[in-house]
């Protein structure tokens, strides 16, 4: 039985699917929106919400930051990135609020300084974004924290995933299959990679979905995904690059509810006559 403990929850074989509401940058730089998204995730029964943290001058070049880009925050890409980036006071408030709501929270960190920043909040785990999968130095820096790692594998070859797992090791590792397009086309999802990755690496494997709709996330659970991560939003029509690939509060409630129904319905794979079948058997079976 392969399991990883994240905070108070077990993830992996025999455990309920761990559902993460990815807030990411869908808060649009507004702490009030972030709290409302936390509310939606907690009410839906998610185990955690996820944010992201970047040291902008490290992750982006000066040229990229100065590139023209219209947004509510200004006219350059730097204006946009700075407007969306939460700082110490924001995350302290988020940590306190998640504690009140009884939901775990963590972040994907895009650089070493961001890992050090998040360490002040003692997160239950770290998420490594697909864009960072080939950054050996960042992977090793995450491992120095001693916390469980969730590795997203979008836009990566199998050889690159092999190397990342070699760098990280398999202890306290959860791998997420994902397709890094926003929103993803259903034909590009390749959900059969979920059991394939589980067989290859012998660690819990989940699914991070960026597609429109919920059906394929349900299929991922049926294929053995131990974790489901979906971007969440208050309204898919809101401004922001990730909103259209996100699910709204009502959809999130449906997602978690139906995942629990799927888990119940999957059973244990042992054939038996259940008690409710016995009277029907006695009534309808002529022989035996």
C-alpha atoms as a PDB file:
ATOM      1  CA  UNK A   1       0.000   0.000   0.000  1.00  0.00           C
ATOM      2  CA  UNK A   2       1.520   3.303  -1.146  1.00  0.00           C
ATOM      3  CA  UNK A   3       0.517   6.362   0.838  1.00  0.00           C
ATOM      4  CA  UNK A   4       1.788   9.863   1.619  1.00  0.00           C
ATOM      5  CA  UNK A   5       0.621  11.891   4.613  1.00  0.00           C
ATOM      6  CA  UNK A   6      -0.194  15.528   3.896  1.00  0.00           C
ATOM      7  CA  UNK A   7      -1.072  17.369   7.080  1.00  0.00           C
ATOM      8  CA  UNK A   8      -3.837  15.400   8.765  1.00  0.00           C
ATOM      9  CA  UNK A   9      -4.774  13.501   5.603  1.00  0.00           C
ATOM     10  CA  UNK A  10      -3.457  10.331   4.011  1.00  0.00           C
ATOM     11  CA  UNK A  11      -3.143  10.373   0.216  1.00  0.00           C
ATOM     12  CA  UNK A  12      -2.866   7.186  -1.820  1.00  0.00           C
ATOM     13  CA  UNK A  13      -4.043   3.591  -1.730  1.00  0.00           C
ATOM     14  CA  UNK A  14      -7.182   3.032   0.325  1.00  0.00           C
ATOM     15  CA  UNK A  15      -7.587   6.717   1.216  1.00  0.00           C
ATOM     16  CA  UNK A  16     -10.296   9.119   0.016  1.00  0.00           C
ATOM     17  CA  UNK A  17      -9.350  11.209  -2.990  1.00  0.00           C
ATOM     18  CA  UNK A  18      -7.620  14.400  -1.811  1.00  0.00           C
ATOM     19  CA  UNK A  19      -9.325  17.338  -3.534  1.00  0.00           C
ATOM     20  CA  UNK A  20      -7.428  20.599  -3.987  1.00  0.00           C
ATOM     21  CA  UNK A  21      -9.070  23.817  -5.072  1.00  0.00           C
ATOM     22  CA  UNK A  22      -6.382  25.707  -6.936  1.00  0.00           C
ATOM     23  CA  UNK A  23      -6.837  29.416  -6.359  1.00  0.00           C
ATOM     24  CA  UNK A  24      -3.501  30.228  -7.987  1.00  0.00           C
ATOM     25  CA  UNK A  25      -3.832  33.812  -9.225  1.00  0.00           C
ATOM     26  CA  UNK A  26      -7.618  33.717  -9.635  1.00  0.00           C
ATOM     27  CA  UNK A  27      -7.834  36.055  -6.632  1.00  0.00           C
ATOM     28  CA  UNK A  28      -6.806  38.853  -9.047  1.00  0.00           C
ATOM     29  CA  UNK A  29      -4.718  40.430  -6.309  1.00  0.00           C
ATOM     30  CA  UNK A  30      -7.771  40.875  -4.083  1.00  0.00           C
ATOM     31  CA  UNK A  31      -7.672  39.337  -0.603  1.00  0.00           C
ATOM     32  CA  UNK A  32     -11.459  39.465  -0.387  1.00  0.00           C
ATOM     33  CA  UNK A  33     -11.786  37.322  -3.515  1.00  0.00           C
ATOM     34  CA  UNK A  34      -9.186  34.921  -2.099  1.00  0.00           C
ATOM     35  CA  UNK A  35     -11.237  34.502   1.077  1.00  0.00           C
ATOM     36  CA  UNK A  36     -14.412  33.869  -0.906  1.00  0.00           C
ATOM     37  CA  UNK A  37     -12.601  31.169  -2.885  1.00  0.00           C
ATOM     38  CA  UNK A  38     -11.412  29.608   0.373  1.00  0.00           C
ATOM     39  CA  UNK A  39     -15.046  29.675   1.545  1.00  0.00           C
ATOM     40  CA  UNK A  40     -16.170  27.874  -1.615  1.00  0.00           C
ATOM     41  CA  UNK A  41     -13.500  25.198  -1.261  1.00  0.00           C
ATOM     42  CA  UNK A  42     -14.207  24.606   2.422  1.00  0.00           C
ATOM     43  CA  UNK A  43     -17.972  24.457   1.886  1.00  0.00           C
ATOM     44  CA  UNK A  44     -17.508  21.979  -0.967  1.00  0.00           C
ATOM     45  CA  UNK A  45     -15.445  19.614   1.152  1.00  0.00           C
ATOM     46  CA  UNK A  46     -12.036  20.161  -0.434  1.00  0.00           C
ATOM     47  CA  UNK A  47      -9.122  19.158   1.762  1.00  0.00           C
ATOM     48  CA  UNK A  48      -6.917  22.051   0.628  1.00  0.00           C
ATOM     49  CA  UNK A  49      -6.519  25.170  -1.444  1.00  0.00           C
ATOM     50  CA  UNK A  50      -3.394  26.093  -3.343  1.00  0.00           C
ATOM     51  CA  UNK A  51      -1.823  29.436  -4.171  1.00  0.00           C
ATOM     52  CA  UNK A  52       1.397  30.294  -5.993  1.00  0.00           C
ATOM     53  CA  UNK A  53       4.447  32.311  -4.994  1.00  0.00           C
ATOM     54  CA  UNK A  54       7.094  33.840  -7.232  1.00  0.00           C
ATOM     55  CA  UNK A  55      10.039  36.191  -6.744  1.00  0.00           C
ATOM     56  CA  UNK A  56       9.290  38.194  -9.843  1.00  0.00           C
ATOM     57  CA  UNK A  57      12.754  39.542 -10.574  1.00  0.00           C
ATOM     58  CA  UNK A  58      14.125  36.001 -10.387  1.00  0.00           C
ATOM     59  CA  UNK A  59      11.458  34.243 -12.439  1.00  0.00           C
ATOM     60  CA  UNK A  60      11.112  36.915 -15.130  1.00  0.00           C
ATOM     61  CA  UNK A  61      13.750  38.858 -17.034  1.00  0.00           C
ATOM     62  CA  UNK A  62      13.725  42.659 -17.110  1.00  0.00           C
ATOM     63  CA  UNK A  63      12.803  42.439 -20.780  1.00  0.00           C
ATOM     64  CA  UNK A  64       9.788  40.236 -20.022  1.00  0.00           C
ATOM     65  CA  UNK A  65       8.657  42.486 -17.183  1.00  0.00           C
ATOM     66  CA  UNK A  66       8.797  45.571 -19.412  1.00  0.00           C
ATOM     67  CA  UNK A  67       6.848  43.945 -22.232  1.00  0.00           C
ATOM     68  CA  UNK A  68       3.636  45.859 -23.074  1.00  0.00           C
ATOM     69  CA  UNK A  69       0.552  44.149 -21.654  1.00  0.00           C
ATOM     70  CA  UNK A  70      -2.725  45.801 -20.798  1.00  0.00           C
ATOM     71  CA  UNK A  71      -4.303  44.790 -17.493  1.00  0.00           C
ATOM     72  CA  UNK A  72      -6.245  46.340 -14.603  1.00  0.00           C
ATOM     73  CA  UNK A  73      -2.863  46.968 -12.960  1.00  0.00           C
ATOM     74  CA  UNK A  74      -1.138  48.922 -15.728  1.00  0.00           C
ATOM     75  CA  UNK A  75       0.362  48.694 -19.194  1.00  0.00           C
ATOM     76  CA  UNK A  76       3.326  46.319 -18.781  1.00  0.00           C
ATOM     77  CA  UNK A  77       3.694  42.656 -17.923  1.00  0.00           C
ATOM     78  CA  UNK A  78       5.523  43.731 -14.774  1.00  0.00           C
ATOM     79  CA  UNK A  79       2.540  45.780 -13.653  1.00  0.00           C
ATOM     80  CA  UNK A  80       0.370  42.702 -14.083  1.00  0.00           C
ATOM     81  CA  UNK A  81       2.716  40.313 -12.266  1.00  0.00           C
ATOM     82  CA  UNK A  82       3.224  42.692  -9.359  1.00  0.00           C
ATOM     83  CA  UNK A  83      -0.517  43.272  -9.089  1.00  0.00           C
ATOM     84  CA  UNK A  84      -1.202  39.544  -8.784  1.00  0.00           C
ATOM     85  CA  UNK A  85       1.585  38.721  -6.335  1.00  0.00           C
ATOM     86  CA  UNK A  86       0.631  38.330  -2.683  1.00  0.00           C
ATOM     87  CA  UNK A  87       3.125  39.281   0.036  1.00  0.00           C
ATOM     88  CA  UNK A  88       3.711  38.446   3.686  1.00  0.00           C
ATOM     89  CA  UNK A  89       0.648  40.215   5.096  1.00  0.00           C
ATOM     90  CA  UNK A  90      -1.612  38.656   2.449  1.00  0.00           C
ATOM     91  CA  UNK A  91      -0.427  35.125   3.148  1.00  0.00           C
ATOM     92  CA  UNK A  92      -0.557  35.607   6.903  1.00  0.00           C
ATOM     93  CA  UNK A  93      -4.189  36.633   6.524  1.00  0.00           C
ATOM     94  CA  UNK A  94      -4.856  33.662   4.235  1.00  0.00           C
ATOM     95  CA  UNK A  95      -3.215  31.271   6.695  1.00  0.00           C
ATOM     96  CA  UNK A  96      -5.326  32.602   9.556  1.00  0.00           C
ATOM     97  CA  UNK A  97      -8.490  32.431   7.485  1.00  0.00           C
ATOM     98  CA  UNK A  98      -7.854  28.868   6.300  1.00  0.00           C
ATOM     99  CA  UNK A  99      -7.259  27.894   9.924  1.00  0.00           C
ATOM    100  CA  UNK A 100     -10.659  29.326  10.855  1.00  0.00           C
ATOM    101  CA  UNK A 101     -12.271  27.403   8.010  1.00  0.00           C
ATOM    102  CA  UNK A 102     -10.506  24.138   8.814  1.00  0.00           C
ATOM    103  CA  UNK A 103      -8.907  23.749   5.391  1.00  0.00           C
ATOM    104  CA  UNK A 104      -5.245  23.200   4.565  1.00  0.00           C
ATOM    105  CA  UNK A 105      -3.357  25.551   2.248  1.00  0.00           C
ATOM    106  CA  UNK A 106      -0.060  25.480   0.422  1.00  0.00           C
ATOM    107  CA  UNK A 107       1.576  26.955  -2.652  1.00  0.00           C
ATOM    108  CA  UNK A 108       3.585  26.210  -5.746  1.00  0.00           C
ATOM    109  CA  UNK A 109       6.893  28.066  -5.473  1.00  0.00           C
ATOM    110  CA  UNK A 110       8.662  29.048  -8.681  1.00  0.00           C
ATOM    111  CA  UNK A 111      12.072  29.861  -7.187  1.00  0.00           C
ATOM    112  CA  UNK A 112      14.212  29.091  -4.151  1.00  0.00           C
ATOM    113  CA  UNK A 113      13.513  32.374  -2.365  1.00  0.00           C
ATOM    114  CA  UNK A 114       9.781  31.680  -2.616  1.00  0.00           C
ATOM    115  CA  UNK A 115      10.289  28.298  -0.943  1.00  0.00           C
ATOM    116  CA  UNK A 116      12.138  30.047   1.886  1.00  0.00           C
ATOM    117  CA  UNK A 117       9.327  32.601   2.093  1.00  0.00           C
ATOM    118  CA  UNK A 118       6.630  29.918   2.363  1.00  0.00           C
ATOM    119  CA  UNK A 119       8.600  27.974   4.983  1.00  0.00           C
ATOM    120  CA  UNK A 120       7.620  30.670   7.479  1.00  0.00           C
ATOM    121  CA  UNK A 121       4.060  29.335   7.259  1.00  0.00           C
ATOM    122  CA  UNK A 122       4.976  25.642   7.762  1.00  0.00           C
ATOM    123  CA  UNK A 123       2.862  24.369   4.844  1.00  0.00           C
ATOM    124  CA  UNK A 124       1.800  20.694   4.890  1.00  0.00           C
ATOM    125  CA  UNK A 125       3.444  20.143   1.484  1.00  0.00           C
ATOM    126  CA  UNK A 126       4.742  21.887  -1.617  1.00  0.00           C
ATOM    127  CA  UNK A 127       3.507  21.732  -5.188  1.00  0.00           C
ATOM    128  CA  UNK A 128       6.067  21.889  -7.994  1.00  0.00           C
ATOM    129  CA  UNK A 129       4.506  23.432 -11.077  1.00  0.00           C
ATOM    130  CA  UNK A 130       4.905  21.758 -14.446  1.00  0.00           C
ATOM    131  CA  UNK A 131       6.993  24.722 -15.620  1.00  0.00           C
ATOM    132  CA  UNK A 132       9.536  23.963 -12.875  1.00  0.00           C
ATOM    133  CA  UNK A 133       9.834  20.200 -13.440  1.00  0.00           C
ATOM    134  CA  UNK A 134      13.222  20.505 -15.187  1.00  0.00           C
ATOM    135  CA  UNK A 135      14.717  22.916 -12.614  1.00  0.00           C
ATOM    136  CA  UNK A 136      16.961  20.529 -10.663  1.00  0.00           C
ATOM    137  CA  UNK A 137      18.158  23.228  -8.277  1.00  0.00           C
ATOM    138  CA  UNK A 138      14.616  24.176  -7.340  1.00  0.00           C
ATOM    139  CA  UNK A 139      13.615  20.530  -6.909  1.00  0.00           C
ATOM    140  CA  UNK A 140      16.553  19.926  -4.559  1.00  0.00           C
ATOM    141  CA  UNK A 141      15.754  23.093  -2.620  1.00  0.00           C
ATOM    142  CA  UNK A 142      12.197  21.870  -2.072  1.00  0.00           C
ATOM    143  CA  UNK A 143      13.530  18.566  -0.787  1.00  0.00           C
ATOM    144  CA  UNK A 144      15.668  20.319   1.829  1.00  0.00           C
ATOM    145  CA  UNK A 145      12.464  21.373   3.604  1.00  0.00           C
ATOM    146  CA  UNK A 146      11.623  17.738   4.363  1.00  0.00           C
ATOM    147  CA  UNK A 147       7.996  18.306   3.394  1.00  0.00           C
ATOM    148  CA  UNK A 148       5.925  16.116   1.034  1.00  0.00           C
ATOM    149  CA  UNK A 149       6.151  17.104  -2.625  1.00  0.00           C
ATOM    150  CA  UNK A 150       3.391  17.162  -5.248  1.00  0.00           C
ATOM    151  CA  UNK A 151       4.980  17.090  -8.713  1.00  0.00           C
ATOM    152  CA  UNK A 152       2.943  18.243 -11.698  1.00  0.00           C
ATOM    153  CA  UNK A 153       4.040  16.742 -15.027  1.00  0.00           C
ATOM    154  CA  UNK A 154       2.486  18.894 -17.745  1.00  0.00           C
ATOM    155  CA  UNK A 155       4.414  19.849 -20.907  1.00  0.00           C
ATOM    156  CA  UNK A 156       7.038  17.220 -20.032  1.00  0.00           C
ATOM    157  CA  UNK A 157       8.391  14.113 -21.722  1.00  0.00           C
ATOM    158  CA  UNK A 158       8.503  10.835 -19.856  1.00  0.00           C
ATOM    159  CA  UNK A 159      12.301  11.109 -19.803  1.00  0.00           C
ATOM    160  CA  UNK A 160      12.019  14.505 -18.107  1.00  0.00           C
ATOM    161  CA  UNK A 161       9.616  13.087 -15.534  1.00  0.00           C
ATOM    162  CA  UNK A 162      12.016  10.176 -14.940  1.00  0.00           C
ATOM    163  CA  UNK A 163      14.820  12.641 -14.266  1.00  0.00           C
ATOM    164  CA  UNK A 164      12.712  14.807 -11.931  1.00  0.00           C
ATOM    165  CA  UNK A 165      11.730  11.746  -9.892  1.00  0.00           C
ATOM    166  CA  UNK A 166      15.382  10.678  -9.788  1.00  0.00           C
ATOM    167  CA  UNK A 167      16.307  14.115  -8.406  1.00  0.00           C
ATOM    168  CA  UNK A 168      13.452  14.203  -5.884  1.00  0.00           C
ATOM    169  CA  UNK A 169      13.376  10.554  -4.873  1.00  0.00           C
ATOM    170  CA  UNK A 170      10.092   8.774  -4.255  1.00  0.00           C
ATOM    171  CA  UNK A 171       9.782   9.359  -0.507  1.00  0.00           C
ATOM    172  CA  UNK A 172       6.719  11.490   0.313  1.00  0.00           C
ATOM    173  CA  UNK A 173       6.134  12.148  -3.383  1.00  0.00           C
ATOM    174  CA  UNK A 174       2.787  12.496  -5.157  1.00  0.00           C
ATOM    175  CA  UNK A 175       2.799  12.823  -8.952  1.00  0.00           C
ATOM    176  CA  UNK A 176       0.038  14.628 -10.815  1.00  0.00           C
ATOM    177  CA  UNK A 177      -0.699  13.847 -14.434  1.00  0.00           C
ATOM    178  CA  UNK A 178      -1.753  17.008 -16.260  1.00  0.00           C
ATOM    179  CA  UNK A 179      -1.951  18.731 -19.632  1.00  0.00           C
ATOM    180  CA  UNK A 180      -0.647  22.292 -19.500  1.00  0.00           C
ATOM    181  CA  UNK A 181      -3.007  24.103 -21.851  1.00  0.00           C
ATOM    182  CA  UNK A 182      -5.724  26.443 -20.637  1.00  0.00           C
ATOM    183  CA  UNK A 183      -8.345  25.211 -21.192  1.00  0.00           C
ATOM    184  CA  UNK A 184      -7.161  21.760 -22.287  1.00  0.00           C
ATOM    185  CA  UNK A 185      -8.777  19.901 -25.169  1.00  0.00           C
ATOM    186  CA  UNK A 186     -10.414  16.660 -24.080  1.00  0.00           C
ATOM    187  CA  UNK A 187      -8.523  14.741 -26.779  1.00  0.00           C
ATOM    188  CA  UNK A 188      -5.214  15.914 -25.261  1.00  0.00           C
ATOM    189  CA  UNK A 189      -5.840  14.705 -21.691  1.00  0.00           C
ATOM    190  CA  UNK A 190      -4.481  11.135 -22.043  1.00  0.00           C
ATOM    191  CA  UNK A 191      -5.931  10.004 -18.713  1.00  0.00           C
ATOM    192  CA  UNK A 192      -4.536   6.493 -19.106  1.00  0.00           C
ATOM    193  CA  UNK A 193      -1.220   7.994 -18.006  1.00  0.00           C
ATOM    194  CA  UNK A 194      -2.585   7.961 -14.441  1.00  0.00           C
ATOM    195  CA  UNK A 195      -2.285   4.170 -13.954  1.00  0.00           C
ATOM    196  CA  UNK A 196       0.819   4.160 -16.173  1.00  0.00           C
ATOM    197  CA  UNK A 197       2.643   6.618 -13.900  1.00  0.00           C
ATOM    198  CA  UNK A 198       1.486   4.697 -10.820  1.00  0.00           C
ATOM    199  CA  UNK A 199       2.947   1.509 -12.260  1.00  0.00           C
ATOM    200  CA  UNK A 200       6.177   3.205 -13.358  1.00  0.00           C
ATOM    201  CA  UNK A 201       7.082   5.046 -10.174  1.00  0.00           C
ATOM    202  CA  UNK A 202       5.224   3.230  -7.394  1.00  0.00           C
ATOM    203  CA  UNK A 203       3.979   6.457  -5.804  1.00  0.00           C
ATOM    204  CA  UNK A 204       0.485   7.926  -5.424  1.00  0.00           C
ATOM    205  CA  UNK A 205      -0.655   9.535  -8.672  1.00  0.00           C
ATOM    206  CA  UNK A 206      -3.357  12.152  -9.065  1.00  0.00           C
ATOM    207  CA  UNK A 207      -4.713  14.468 -11.723  1.00  0.00           C
ATOM    208  CA  UNK A 208      -4.594  18.219 -12.204  1.00  0.00           C
ATOM    209  CA  UNK A 209      -7.251  19.212 -14.720  1.00  0.00           C
ATOM    210  CA  UNK A 210      -7.470  22.333 -16.853  1.00  0.00           C
ATOM    211  CA  UNK A 211     -10.295  21.202 -19.105  1.00  0.00           C
ATOM    212  CA  UNK A 212     -13.822  22.572 -19.283  1.00  0.00           C
ATOM    213  CA  UNK A 213     -16.351  20.386 -17.465  1.00  0.00           C
ATOM    214  CA  UNK A 214     -16.145  17.683 -14.818  1.00  0.00           C
ATOM    215  CA  UNK A 215     -16.620  14.380 -16.664  1.00  0.00           C
ATOM    216  CA  UNK A 216     -12.928  13.755 -17.284  1.00  0.00           C
ATOM    217  CA  UNK A 217     -12.044  14.505 -13.665  1.00  0.00           C
ATOM    218  CA  UNK A 218     -14.514  11.799 -12.674  1.00  0.00           C
ATOM    219  CA  UNK A 219     -12.842   9.462 -15.160  1.00  0.00           C
ATOM    220  CA  UNK A 220      -9.496  10.236 -13.546  1.00  0.00           C
ATOM    221  CA  UNK A 221     -10.850   9.100 -10.171  1.00  0.00           C
ATOM    222  CA  UNK A 222     -12.206   5.908 -11.736  1.00  0.00           C
ATOM    223  CA  UNK A 223      -8.727   5.298 -13.197  1.00  0.00           C
ATOM    224  CA  UNK A 224      -7.180   5.523  -9.747  1.00  0.00           C
ATOM    225  CA  UNK A 225      -6.299   9.191  -9.213  1.00  0.00           C
ATOM    226  CA  UNK A 226      -5.634   9.693  -5.503  1.00  0.00           C
ATOM    227  CA  UNK A 227      -5.744  13.492  -5.785  1.00  0.00           C
ATOM    228  CA  UNK A 228      -7.773  15.838  -7.947  1.00  0.00           C
ATOM    229  CA  UNK A 229      -6.713  19.443  -8.380  1.00  0.00           C
ATOM    230  CA  UNK A 230      -8.909  21.910 -10.267  1.00  0.00           C
ATOM    231  CA  UNK A 231      -8.620  25.680 -10.656  1.00  0.00           C
ATOM    232  CA  UNK A 232     -11.522  27.422  -8.942  1.00  0.00           C
ATOM    233  CA  UNK A 233     -13.120  30.795  -9.616  1.00  0.00           C
ATOM    234  CA  UNK A 234     -16.068  32.841  -8.446  1.00  0.00           C
ATOM    235  CA  UNK A 235     -17.099  33.396 -12.067  1.00  0.00           C
ATOM    236  CA  UNK A 236     -15.514  31.995 -15.248  1.00  0.00           C
ATOM    237  CA  UNK A 237     -16.260  35.308 -16.970  1.00  0.00           C
ATOM    238  CA  UNK A 238     -14.054  37.270 -14.557  1.00  0.00           C
ATOM    239  CA  UNK A 239     -10.900  38.936 -15.832  1.00  0.00           C
ATOM    240  CA  UNK A 240      -7.830  36.694 -15.659  1.00  0.00           C
ATOM    241  CA  UNK A 241      -5.910  34.188 -17.749  1.00  0.00           C
ATOM    242  CA  UNK A 242      -6.930  31.103 -15.719  1.00  0.00           C
ATOM    243  CA  UNK A 243     -10.608  31.867 -15.110  1.00  0.00           C
ATOM    244  CA  UNK A 244     -11.949  30.152 -18.241  1.00  0.00           C
ATOM    245  CA  UNK A 245     -10.219  26.879 -17.310  1.00  0.00           C
ATOM    246  CA  UNK A 246     -11.634  26.984 -13.767  1.00  0.00           C
ATOM    247  CA  UNK A 247     -14.793  25.739 -12.100  1.00  0.00           C
ATOM    248  CA  UNK A 248     -17.258  27.865 -10.171  1.00  0.00           C
ATOM    249  CA  UNK A 249     -18.454  27.200  -6.585  1.00  0.00           C
ATOM    250  CA  UNK A 250     -21.555  25.242  -7.631  1.00  0.00           C
ATOM    251  CA  UNK A 251     -19.441  23.068  -9.929  1.00  0.00           C
ATOM    252  CA  UNK A 252     -16.887  22.528  -7.180  1.00  0.00           C
ATOM    253  CA  UNK A 253     -19.584  21.276  -4.827  1.00  0.00           C
ATOM    254  CA  UNK A 254     -20.781  18.887  -7.522  1.00  0.00           C
ATOM    255  CA  UNK A 255     -17.214  17.725  -8.177  1.00  0.00           C
ATOM    256  CA  UNK A 256     -16.498  16.758  -4.578  1.00  0.00           C
ATOM    257  CA  UNK A 257     -19.951  15.223  -4.048  1.00  0.00           C
ATOM    258  CA  UNK A 258     -19.673  13.061  -7.155  1.00  0.00           C
ATOM    259  CA  UNK A 259     -16.077  12.011  -6.422  1.00  0.00           C
ATOM    260  CA  UNK A 260     -17.308  10.600  -3.113  1.00  0.00           C
ATOM    261  CA  UNK A 261     -20.115   8.773  -4.920  1.00  0.00           C
ATOM    262  CA  UNK A 262     -17.651   7.331  -7.435  1.00  0.00           C
ATOM    263  CA  UNK A 263     -15.346   6.144  -4.657  1.00  0.00           C
ATOM    264  CA  UNK A 264     -18.267   4.464  -2.909  1.00  0.00           C
ATOM    265  CA  UNK A 265     -19.448   2.854  -6.110  1.00  0.00           C
ATOM    266  CA  UNK A 266     -16.032   1.523  -7.119  1.00  0.00           C
ATOM    267  CA  UNK A 267     -15.967  -0.824  -4.126  1.00  0.00           C
ATOM    268  CA  UNK A 268     -13.121  -3.235  -3.461  1.00  0.00           C
ATOM    269  CA  UNK A 269     -13.216  -5.498  -6.521  1.00  0.00           C
ATOM    270  CA  UNK A 270     -14.292  -8.573  -4.545  1.00  0.00           C
ATOM    271  CA  UNK A 271     -17.358 -10.309  -6.021  1.00  0.00           C
ATOM    272  CA  UNK A 272     -20.063 -11.034  -3.464  1.00  0.00           C
ATOM    273  CA  UNK A 273     -23.832 -11.184  -3.101  1.00  0.00           C
ATOM    274  CA  UNK A 274     -24.887  -8.048  -1.249  1.00  0.00           C
ATOM    275  CA  UNK A 275     -27.734  -8.200   1.306  1.00  0.00           C
ATOM    276  CA  UNK A 276     -30.151  -6.216  -0.876  1.00  0.00           C
ATOM    277  CA  UNK A 277     -29.758  -8.845  -3.608  1.00  0.00           C
ATOM    278  CA  UNK A 278     -30.856 -11.763  -1.427  1.00  0.00           C
ATOM    279  CA  UNK A 279     -34.659 -11.257  -1.606  1.00  0.00           C
ATOM    280  CA  UNK A 280     -34.396 -10.665  -5.364  1.00  0.00           C
ATOM    281  CA  UNK A 281     -32.318 -13.842  -5.717  1.00  0.00           C
ATOM    282  CA  UNK A 282     -34.916 -15.858  -3.817  1.00  0.00           C
ATOM    283  CA  UNK A 283     -37.717 -14.453  -5.923  1.00  0.00           C
ATOM    284  CA  UNK A 284     -36.201 -14.683  -9.405  1.00  0.00           C
ATOM    285  CA  UNK A 285     -33.598 -17.463  -9.519  1.00  0.00           C
ATOM    286  CA  UNK A 286     -35.073 -20.827 -10.567  1.00  0.00           C
ATOM    287  CA  UNK A 287     -31.928 -22.996 -10.259  1.00  0.00           C
ATOM    288  CA  UNK A 288     -29.224 -22.938  -7.607  1.00  0.00           C
END
